């Protein structure tokens, strides 16, 4: 059985934390920023954690 290859797109978007959770960036921060409030844009700069429902799938994609 062949090894599972790392999904290169996913490996650039997701990182594992020390406690083995999956860290991600927030969406909607790249364009059409004039109508978004400063507070909203500031919160988009912060990272997020992948939902537990999707965590297993993402970890499988970024396995090395």
PDB file of N, CA and C in Angstrom:
ATOM      1  N   UNK A   1       0.847  -1.188   0.000  1.00  0.00           N
ATOM      2  CA  UNK A   1       0.000   0.000   0.000  1.00  0.00           C
ATOM      3  C   UNK A   1       0.891   1.250   0.000  1.00  0.00           C
ATOM      4  N   UNK A   2       0.634   2.215  -0.921  1.00  0.00           N
ATOM      5  CA  UNK A   2       1.485   3.403  -0.962  1.00  0.00           C
ATOM      6  C   UNK A   2       1.219   4.341   0.213  1.00  0.00           C
ATOM      7  N   UNK A   3       2.212   5.183   0.491  1.00  0.00           N
ATOM      8  CA  UNK A   3       2.063   6.173   1.559  1.00  0.00           C
ATOM      9  C   UNK A   3       1.078   7.252   1.128  1.00  0.00           C
ATOM     10  N   UNK A   4       0.457   7.913   2.113  1.00  0.00           N
ATOM     11  CA  UNK A   4      -0.424   9.041   1.819  1.00  0.00           C
ATOM     12  C   UNK A   4       0.451  10.266   1.596  1.00  0.00           C
ATOM     13  N   UNK A   5       0.215  10.967   0.493  1.00  0.00           N
ATOM     14  CA  UNK A   5       1.005  12.165   0.199  1.00  0.00           C
ATOM     15  C   UNK A   5       0.409  13.369   0.902  1.00  0.00           C
ATOM     16  N   UNK A   6       1.272  14.290   1.272  1.00  0.00           N
ATOM     17  CA  UNK A   6       0.840  15.532   1.895  1.00  0.00           C
ATOM     18  C   UNK A   6       0.141  16.389   0.854  1.00  0.00           C
ATOM     19  N   UNK A   7      -1.013  16.950   1.199  1.00  0.00           N
ATOM     20  CA  UNK A   7      -1.687  17.902   0.326  1.00  0.00           C
ATOM     21  C   UNK A   7      -0.956  19.231   0.468  1.00  0.00           C
ATOM     22  N   UNK A   8      -0.277  19.661  -0.582  1.00  0.00           N
ATOM     23  CA  UNK A   8       0.612  20.820  -0.489  1.00  0.00           C
ATOM     24  C   UNK A   8      -0.156  22.108  -0.207  1.00  0.00           C
ATOM     25  N   UNK A   9      -1.349  22.235  -0.769  1.00  0.00           N
ATOM     26  CA  UNK A   9      -2.160  23.426  -0.509  1.00  0.00           C
ATOM     27  C   UNK A   9      -2.581  23.493   0.939  1.00  0.00           C
ATOM     28  N   UNK A  10      -2.964  22.344   1.491  1.00  0.00           N
ATOM     29  CA  UNK A  10      -3.395  22.290   2.894  1.00  0.00           C
ATOM     30  C   UNK A  10      -2.223  22.525   3.836  1.00  0.00           C
ATOM     31  N   UNK A  11      -1.042  22.026   3.489  1.00  0.00           N
ATOM     32  CA  UNK A  11       0.114  22.185   4.376  1.00  0.00           C
ATOM     33  C   UNK A  11       0.550  23.641   4.481  1.00  0.00           C
ATOM     34  N   UNK A  12       0.235  24.453   3.458  1.00  0.00           N
ATOM     35  CA  UNK A  12       0.557  25.880   3.503  1.00  0.00           C
ATOM     36  C   UNK A  12      -0.487  26.662   4.292  1.00  0.00           C
ATOM     37  N   UNK A  13      -1.688  26.130   4.389  1.00  0.00           N
ATOM     38  CA  UNK A  13      -2.789  26.844   5.056  1.00  0.00           C
ATOM     39  C   UNK A  13      -2.964  26.483   6.523  1.00  0.00           C
ATOM     40  N   UNK A  14      -2.565  25.288   6.917  1.00  0.00           N
ATOM     41  CA  UNK A  14      -2.800  24.810   8.275  1.00  0.00           C
ATOM     42  C   UNK A  14      -1.496  24.440   8.959  1.00  0.00           C
ATOM     43  N   UNK A  15      -1.438  24.686  10.278  1.00  0.00           N
ATOM     44  CA  UNK A  15      -0.277  24.288  11.081  1.00  0.00           C
ATOM     45  C   UNK A  15      -0.801  23.605  12.337  1.00  0.00           C
ATOM     46  N   UNK A  16       0.001  22.702  12.896  1.00  0.00           N
ATOM     47  CA  UNK A  16      -0.376  22.037  14.139  1.00  0.00           C
ATOM     48  C   UNK A  16       0.175  22.816  15.330  1.00  0.00           C
ATOM     49  N   UNK A  17      -0.635  22.942  16.380  1.00  0.00           N
ATOM     50  CA  UNK A  17      -0.193  23.593  17.602  1.00  0.00           C
ATOM     51  C   UNK A  17       0.513  22.565  18.479  1.00  0.00           C
ATOM     52  N   UNK A  18       1.034  23.018  19.601  1.00  0.00           N
ATOM     53  CA  UNK A  18       1.743  22.128  20.520  1.00  0.00           C
ATOM     54  C   UNK A  18       0.809  21.066  21.104  1.00  0.00           C
ATOM     55  N   UNK A  19      -0.468  21.426  21.269  1.00  0.00           N
ATOM     56  CA  UNK A  19      -1.440  20.470  21.814  1.00  0.00           C
ATOM     57  C   UNK A  19      -2.151  19.689  20.718  1.00  0.00           C
ATOM     58  N   UNK A  20      -1.564  19.689  19.511  1.00  0.00           N
ATOM     59  CA  UNK A  20      -2.030  18.890  18.376  1.00  0.00           C
ATOM     60  C   UNK A  20      -3.384  19.339  17.834  1.00  0.00           C
ATOM     61  N   UNK A  21      -3.711  20.621  18.022  1.00  0.00           N
ATOM     62  CA  UNK A  21      -4.892  21.181  17.376  1.00  0.00           C
ATOM     63  C   UNK A  21      -4.444  21.789  16.058  1.00  0.00           C
ATOM     64  N   UNK A  22      -5.392  22.038  15.162  1.00  0.00           N
ATOM     65  CA  UNK A  22      -5.041  22.569  13.849  1.00  0.00           C
ATOM     66  C   UNK A  22      -5.362  24.059  13.810  1.00  0.00           C
ATOM     67  N   UNK A  23      -4.333  24.859  13.527  1.00  0.00           N
ATOM     68  CA  UNK A  23      -4.462  26.309  13.462  1.00  0.00           C
ATOM     69  C   UNK A  23      -4.740  26.710  12.019  1.00  0.00           C
ATOM     70  N   UNK A  24      -5.557  27.751  11.853  1.00  0.00           N
ATOM     71  CA  UNK A  24      -5.895  28.212  10.509  1.00  0.00           C
ATOM     72  C   UNK A  24      -5.970  29.729  10.487  1.00  0.00           C
ATOM     73  N   UNK A  25      -5.962  30.304   9.280  1.00  0.00           N
ATOM     74  CA  UNK A  25      -6.185  31.734   9.122  1.00  0.00           C
ATOM     75  C   UNK A  25      -7.652  31.960   8.817  1.00  0.00           C
ATOM     76  N   UNK A  26      -8.137  33.159   9.124  1.00  0.00           N
ATOM     77  CA  UNK A  26      -9.538  33.476   8.858  1.00  0.00           C
ATOM     78  C   UNK A  26      -9.720  33.934   7.417  1.00  0.00           C
ATOM     79  N   UNK A  27     -10.887  33.693   6.884  1.00  0.00           N
ATOM     80  CA  UNK A  27     -11.220  34.087   5.510  1.00  0.00           C
ATOM     81  C   UNK A  27     -11.772  35.504   5.491  1.00  0.00           C
ATOM     82  N   UNK A  28     -11.977  36.037   4.287  1.00  0.00           N
ATOM     83  CA  UNK A  28     -12.596  37.346   4.049  1.00  0.00           C
ATOM     84  C   UNK A  28     -11.713  38.518   4.474  1.00  0.00           C
ATOM     85  N   UNK A  29     -10.407  38.357   4.460  1.00  0.00           N
ATOM     86  CA  UNK A  29      -9.531  39.455   4.879  1.00  0.00           C
ATOM     87  C   UNK A  29      -8.677  40.004   3.741  1.00  0.00           C
ATOM     88  N   UNK A  30      -8.900  39.566   2.518  1.00  0.00           N
ATOM     89  CA  UNK A  30      -7.972  39.928   1.448  1.00  0.00           C
ATOM     90  C   UNK A  30      -8.422  41.099   0.575  1.00  0.00           C
ATOM     91  N   UNK A  31      -9.723  41.282   0.364  1.00  0.00           N
ATOM     92  CA  UNK A  31     -10.168  42.404  -0.465  1.00  0.00           C
ATOM     93  C   UNK A  31     -11.568  42.837  -0.044  1.00  0.00           C
ATOM     94  N   UNK A  32     -12.038  43.931  -0.638  1.00  0.00           N
ATOM     95  CA  UNK A  32     -13.300  44.606  -0.263  1.00  0.00           C
ATOM     96  C   UNK A  32     -13.246  44.940   1.235  1.00  0.00           C
ATOM     97  N   UNK A  33     -12.186  45.642   1.624  1.00  0.00           N
ATOM     98  CA  UNK A  33     -11.964  45.944   3.036  1.00  0.00           C
ATOM     99  C   UNK A  33     -12.559  47.286   3.458  1.00  0.00           C
ATOM    100  N   UNK A  34     -12.963  48.123   2.493  1.00  0.00           N
ATOM    101  CA  UNK A  34     -13.427  49.466   2.844  1.00  0.00           C
ATOM    102  C   UNK A  34     -14.738  49.425   3.618  1.00  0.00           C
ATOM    103  N   UNK A  35     -15.603  48.484   3.320  1.00  0.00           N
ATOM    104  CA  UNK A  35     -16.893  48.433   4.011  1.00  0.00           C
ATOM    105  C   UNK A  35     -16.833  47.664   5.331  1.00  0.00           C
ATOM    106  N   UNK A  36     -15.721  47.023   5.622  1.00  0.00           N
ATOM    107  CA  UNK A  36     -15.582  46.278   6.877  1.00  0.00           C
ATOM    108  C   UNK A  36     -15.052  47.209   7.970  1.00  0.00           C
ATOM    109  N   UNK A  37     -15.564  47.047   9.170  1.00  0.00           N
ATOM    110  CA  UNK A  37     -15.140  47.903  10.279  1.00  0.00           C
ATOM    111  C   UNK A  37     -13.724  47.541  10.718  1.00  0.00           C
ATOM    112  N   UNK A  38     -13.079  48.472  11.413  1.00  0.00           N
ATOM    113  CA  UNK A  38     -11.725  48.237  11.915  1.00  0.00           C
ATOM    114  C   UNK A  38     -11.697  47.053  12.864  1.00  0.00           C
ATOM    115  N   UNK A  39     -12.710  46.943  13.702  1.00  0.00           N
ATOM    116  CA  UNK A  39     -12.792  45.844  14.659  1.00  0.00           C
ATOM    117  C   UNK A  39     -12.873  44.499  13.941  1.00  0.00           C
ATOM    118  N   UNK A  40     -13.686  44.467  12.887  1.00  0.00           N
ATOM    119  CA  UNK A  40     -13.846  43.229  12.125  1.00  0.00           C
ATOM    120  C   UNK A  40     -12.541  42.834  11.439  1.00  0.00           C
ATOM    121  N   UNK A  41     -11.852  43.825  10.841  1.00  0.00           N
ATOM    122  CA  UNK A  41     -10.579  43.544  10.170  1.00  0.00           C
ATOM    123  C   UNK A  41      -9.509  43.119  11.155  1.00  0.00           C
ATOM    124  N   UNK A  42      -9.507  43.718  12.335  1.00  0.00           N
ATOM    125  CA  UNK A  42      -8.545  43.355  13.375  1.00  0.00           C
ATOM    126  C   UNK A  42      -8.762  41.913  13.826  1.00  0.00           C
ATOM    127  N   UNK A  43     -10.015  41.515  13.987  1.00  0.00           N
ATOM    128  CA  UNK A  43     -10.319  40.143  14.392  1.00  0.00           C
ATOM    129  C   UNK A  43     -10.011  39.127  13.292  1.00  0.00           C
ATOM    130  N   UNK A  44     -10.048  39.560  12.027  1.00  0.00           N
ATOM    131  CA  UNK A  44      -9.703  38.669  10.924  1.00  0.00           C
ATOM    132  C   UNK A  44      -8.200  38.386  10.877  1.00  0.00           C
ATOM    133  N   UNK A  45      -7.389  39.294  11.454  1.00  0.00           N
ATOM    134  CA  UNK A  45      -5.940  39.072  11.482  1.00  0.00           C
ATOM    135  C   UNK A  45      -5.551  37.960  12.435  1.00  0.00           C
ATOM    136  N   UNK A  46      -6.366  37.717  13.441  1.00  0.00           N
ATOM    137  CA  UNK A  46      -6.072  36.672  14.417  1.00  0.00           C
ATOM    138  C   UNK A  46      -6.352  35.303  13.815  1.00  0.00           C
ATOM    139  N   UNK A  47      -5.629  34.331  14.284  1.00  0.00           N
ATOM    140  CA  UNK A  47      -5.846  32.971  13.800  1.00  0.00           C
ATOM    141  C   UNK A  47      -7.065  32.338  14.426  1.00  0.00           C
ATOM    142  N   UNK A  48      -7.399  31.169  13.947  1.00  0.00           N
ATOM    143  CA  UNK A  48      -8.508  30.409  14.506  1.00  0.00           C
ATOM    144  C   UNK A  48      -8.109  28.950  14.608  1.00  0.00           C
ATOM    145  N   UNK A  49      -8.962  28.169  15.228  1.00  0.00           N
ATOM    146  CA  UNK A  49      -8.744  26.727  15.356  1.00  0.00           C
ATOM    147  C   UNK A  49      -9.773  26.028  14.474  1.00  0.00           C
ATOM    148  N   UNK A  50      -9.347  24.998  13.773  1.00  0.00           N
ATOM    149  CA  UNK A  50     -10.250  24.235  12.914  1.00  0.00           C
ATOM    150  C   UNK A  50     -11.282  23.522  13.786  1.00  0.00           C
ATOM    151  N   UNK A  51     -12.520  23.517  13.323  1.00  0.00           N
ATOM    152  CA  UNK A  51     -13.612  22.858  14.038  1.00  0.00           C
ATOM    153  C   UNK A  51     -13.315  21.376  14.212  1.00  0.00           C
ATOM    154  N   UNK A  52     -13.769  20.826  15.338  1.00  0.00           N
ATOM    155  CA  UNK A  52     -13.481  19.419  15.654  1.00  0.00           C
ATOM    156  C   UNK A  52     -14.059  18.463  14.615  1.00  0.00           C
ATOM    157  N   UNK A  53     -15.143  18.866  13.942  1.00  0.00           N
ATOM    158  CA  UNK A  53     -15.752  18.019  12.911  1.00  0.00           C
ATOM    159  C   UNK A  53     -14.833  17.865  11.698  1.00  0.00           C
ATOM    160  N   UNK A  54     -14.024  18.897  11.422  1.00  0.00           N
ATOM    161  CA  UNK A  54     -13.139  18.867  10.252  1.00  0.00           C
ATOM    162  C   UNK A  54     -11.698  18.529  10.602  1.00  0.00           C
ATOM    163  N   UNK A  55     -11.386  18.474  11.891  1.00  0.00           N
ATOM    164  CA  UNK A  55      -9.998  18.341  12.322  1.00  0.00           C
ATOM    165  C   UNK A  55      -9.335  17.063  11.803  1.00  0.00           C
ATOM    166  N   UNK A  56     -10.024  15.954  11.881  1.00  0.00           N
ATOM    167  CA  UNK A  56      -9.449  14.677  11.446  1.00  0.00           C
ATOM    168  C   UNK A  56      -9.117  14.696   9.956  1.00  0.00           C
ATOM    169  N   UNK A  57     -10.023  15.292   9.174  1.00  0.00           N
ATOM    170  CA  UNK A  57      -9.819  15.370   7.723  1.00  0.00           C
ATOM    171  C   UNK A  57      -8.610  16.230   7.375  1.00  0.00           C
ATOM    172  N   UNK A  58      -8.479  17.362   8.068  1.00  0.00           N
ATOM    173  CA  UNK A  58      -7.371  18.276   7.806  1.00  0.00           C
ATOM    174  C   UNK A  58      -6.048  17.657   8.223  1.00  0.00           C
ATOM    175  N   UNK A  59      -6.026  17.003   9.386  1.00  0.00           N
ATOM    176  CA  UNK A  59      -4.794  16.361   9.858  1.00  0.00           C
ATOM    177  C   UNK A  59      -4.325  15.295   8.874  1.00  0.00           C
ATOM    178  N   UNK A  60      -5.263  14.590   8.259  1.00  0.00           N
ATOM    179  CA  UNK A  60      -4.903  13.568   7.286  1.00  0.00           C
ATOM    180  C   UNK A  60      -4.263  14.199   6.048  1.00  0.00           C
ATOM    181  N   UNK A  61      -4.724  15.385   5.679  1.00  0.00           N
ATOM    182  CA  UNK A  61      -4.158  16.065   4.514  1.00  0.00           C
ATOM    183  C   UNK A  61      -2.755  16.603   4.788  1.00  0.00           C
ATOM    184  N   UNK A  62      -2.488  17.031   6.040  1.00  0.00           N
ATOM    185  CA  UNK A  62      -1.194  17.661   6.320  1.00  0.00           C
ATOM    186  C   UNK A  62      -0.200  16.705   6.972  1.00  0.00           C
ATOM    187  N   UNK A  63      -0.522  15.411   7.012  1.00  0.00           N
ATOM    188  CA  UNK A  63       0.370  14.422   7.597  1.00  0.00           C
ATOM    189  C   UNK A  63       1.675  14.401   6.815  1.00  0.00           C
ATOM    190  N   UNK A  64       2.809  14.295   7.518  1.00  0.00           N
ATOM    191  CA  UNK A  64       4.098  14.342   6.813  1.00  0.00           C
ATOM    192  C   UNK A  64       4.758  12.980   6.770  1.00  0.00           C
TER     193      UNK A  64
END
